[in-house]
Amino acid sequence: MVEIMKQGAKSLSSVASSVNTGDDVSRLVSDMWSTMYENKGIGLAANQVGSPYRVFVMHANGLKQEFINPVITKRYGGKISNKEGCLSFPGMLVSVVRDKQIVIEGFDSDWRPIKRKLKGLAACCAQHELDHLNGVTIA
């Protein structure tokens, strides 16, 4: 487990860098999984643990997946407004508008291509984590 950066940490407002194809990020991913579960989260972006790379993990709506260099390639189904929390902003809930459904592509930690159609909580979670990787937070 590693420390989660809290409100005010520079890494939270920084845009994450792409991981070079083939780089070993298995330790980072492993640390992120244990940290997310220990803190009872459903998603965690690498810059939330001080890493500058475009990596996030999530476990929502039955989908447990890491994403390396994720990109949303399709947004559809309209918008939805939900209250979201964040491990980096404990105790804070903020109303956020998200796409109801998305298609997200990237790679797993073994560099196998991933393409997932997400809806509901999983879609919102992935968008939240991608916001982190783009230096955008709920506060």
Protein backbone atom coordinates (compact mmCIF):
# COMPACT_ATOMS: atom_id res chain seq x y z
CA MET A 1 0.00 0.00 0.00
CA VAL A 2 1.16 3.53 -0.76
CA GLU A 3 0.05 6.95 0.47
CA ILE A 4 -2.89 8.66 -1.20
CA MET A 5 -2.20 12.29 -2.07
CA LYS A 6 -4.68 14.67 -0.49
CA GLN A 7 -6.16 18.01 -1.51
CA GLY A 8 -3.39 20.49 -2.35
CA ALA A 9 -0.85 17.90 -3.51
CA LYS A 10 0.82 19.05 -6.74
CA SER A 11 0.44 15.65 -8.42
CA LEU A 12 -3.37 15.97 -8.30
CA SER A 13 -3.36 19.02 -10.57
CA SER A 14 -0.71 17.66 -12.94
CA VAL A 15 -1.49 16.05 -16.30
CA ALA A 16 -0.15 12.49 -16.27
CA SER A 17 2.35 11.30 -18.89
CA SER A 18 1.77 8.33 -21.18
CA VAL A 19 3.51 5.12 -20.24
CA ASN A 20 6.05 3.97 -22.84
CA THR A 21 4.78 0.85 -24.57
CA GLY A 22 6.24 -2.22 -22.91
CA ASP A 23 7.34 -0.49 -19.70
CA ASP A 24 6.78 -2.61 -16.61
CA VAL A 25 4.11 -0.96 -14.45
CA SER A 26 3.10 -4.14 -12.62
CA ARG A 27 4.47 -2.92 -9.26
CA LEU A 28 2.63 0.40 -9.59
CA VAL A 29 -0.61 -1.39 -10.51
CA SER A 30 -0.22 -3.84 -7.62
CA ASP A 31 0.38 -0.99 -5.16
CA MET A 32 -2.63 0.87 -6.53
CA TRP A 33 -4.94 -2.15 -6.11
CA SER A 34 -3.92 -2.69 -2.50
CA THR A 35 -4.19 1.03 -1.71
CA MET A 36 -7.62 1.34 -3.34
CA TYR A 37 -9.01 -1.68 -1.49
CA GLU A 38 -7.44 -0.69 1.84
CA ASN A 39 -9.16 2.69 1.54
CA LYS A 40 -12.48 1.18 0.39
CA GLY A 41 -12.43 2.92 -2.99
CA ILE A 42 -13.74 1.76 -6.37
CA GLY A 43 -11.13 3.55 -8.47
CA LEU A 44 -7.67 5.08 -8.13
CA ALA A 45 -5.51 7.04 -10.56
CA ALA A 46 -1.72 6.90 -10.51
CA ASN A 47 -1.30 10.60 -9.76
CA GLN A 48 -3.37 10.05 -6.59
CA VAL A 49 -0.42 8.01 -5.30
CA GLY A 50 2.19 10.44 -6.59
CA SER A 51 3.01 8.62 -9.84
CA PRO A 52 3.09 10.75 -13.01
CA TYR A 53 1.78 8.05 -15.37
CA ARG A 54 -1.51 7.50 -17.23
CA VAL A 55 -2.64 4.48 -15.22
CA PHE A 56 -5.77 3.81 -13.22
CA VAL A 57 -7.45 0.85 -11.55
CA MET A 58 -11.14 0.35 -10.93
CA HIS A 59 -13.53 -2.21 -9.51
CA ALA A 60 -17.13 -1.17 -10.18
CA ASN A 61 -20.28 -2.91 -11.46
CA GLY A 62 -18.42 -6.22 -11.44
CA LEU A 63 -15.58 -4.95 -13.64
CA LYS A 64 -12.12 -5.21 -12.06
CA GLN A 65 -9.63 -3.72 -14.51
CA GLU A 66 -6.45 -1.71 -14.74
CA PHE A 67 -6.08 0.72 -17.62
CA ILE A 68 -2.74 1.86 -19.02
CA ASN A 69 -2.84 4.92 -21.34
CA PRO A 70 -6.67 4.97 -21.33
CA VAL A 71 -8.68 6.93 -23.89
CA ILE A 72 -12.44 7.37 -24.15
CA THR A 73 -13.28 6.67 -27.79
CA LYS A 74 -17.07 7.03 -27.60
CA ARG A 75 -19.55 8.83 -25.36
CA TYR A 76 -23.27 8.13 -25.70
CA GLY A 77 -26.59 7.66 -23.95
CA GLY A 78 -26.89 11.21 -22.68
CA LYS A 79 -25.71 12.68 -19.40
CA ILE A 80 -26.31 11.91 -15.75
CA SER A 81 -25.64 13.94 -12.61
CA ASN A 82 -24.40 12.10 -9.53
CA LYS A 83 -22.75 12.93 -6.24
CA GLU A 84 -19.16 11.69 -6.28
CA GLY A 85 -16.59 11.26 -3.58
CA CYS A 86 -12.84 10.90 -3.93
CA LEU A 87 -10.13 9.22 -1.87
CA SER A 88 -8.00 12.36 -2.25
CA PHE A 89 -10.79 14.56 -0.85
CA PRO A 90 -12.12 12.57 2.12
CA GLY A 91 -15.60 13.45 3.31
CA MET A 92 -16.37 15.62 0.28
CA LEU A 93 -19.29 14.87 -2.06
CA VAL A 94 -19.72 16.92 -5.23
CA SER A 95 -22.39 16.83 -7.95
CA VAL A 96 -20.75 15.94 -11.26
CA VAL A 97 -22.27 15.52 -14.73
CA ARG A 98 -20.98 12.48 -16.62
CA ASP A 99 -21.74 10.59 -19.81
CA LYS A 100 -24.09 7.68 -19.09
CA GLN A 101 -22.16 5.30 -21.34
CA ILE A 102 -18.65 5.27 -22.74
CA VAL A 103 -16.25 3.11 -24.68
CA ILE A 104 -12.78 3.19 -23.18
CA GLU A 105 -9.63 1.73 -24.71
CA GLY A 106 -6.14 1.20 -23.40
CA PHE A 107 -3.92 -1.64 -22.23
CA ASP A 108 -3.72 -3.95 -19.24
CA SER A 109 -0.47 -4.32 -17.28
CA ASP A 110 0.69 -7.07 -19.68
CA TRP A 111 0.21 -4.64 -22.61
CA ARG A 112 -2.77 -6.51 -24.02
CA PRO A 113 -5.24 -4.12 -25.71
CA ILE A 114 -8.47 -3.46 -23.80
CA LYS A 115 -11.74 -2.10 -25.15
CA ARG A 116 -14.65 -1.88 -22.69
CA LYS A 117 -18.19 -0.57 -23.05
CA LEU A 118 -19.10 0.90 -19.68
CA LYS A 119 -22.35 2.23 -18.28
CA GLY A 120 -23.68 3.41 -14.95
CA LEU A 121 -21.29 3.42 -12.02
CA ALA A 122 -18.43 1.88 -14.03
CA ALA A 123 -18.69 4.61 -16.69
CA CYS A 124 -18.75 7.35 -14.03
CA CYS A 125 -15.80 5.79 -12.20
CA ALA A 126 -13.68 5.56 -15.36
CA GLN A 127 -14.46 9.19 -16.25
CA HIS A 128 -13.57 10.28 -12.70
CA GLU A 129 -10.20 8.51 -12.88
CA LEU A 130 -9.49 9.90 -16.35
CA ASP A 131 -10.22 13.38 -15.01
CA HIS A 132 -7.51 12.76 -12.40
CA LEU A 133 -5.04 11.78 -15.12
CA ASN A 134 -5.87 15.07 -16.86
CA GLY A 135 -5.23 17.06 -13.68
CA VAL A 136 -8.95 17.67 -12.99
CA THR A 137 -10.38 17.01 -9.52
CA ILE A 138 -13.84 17.28 -7.97
CA ALA A 139 -12.75 20.25 -5.83
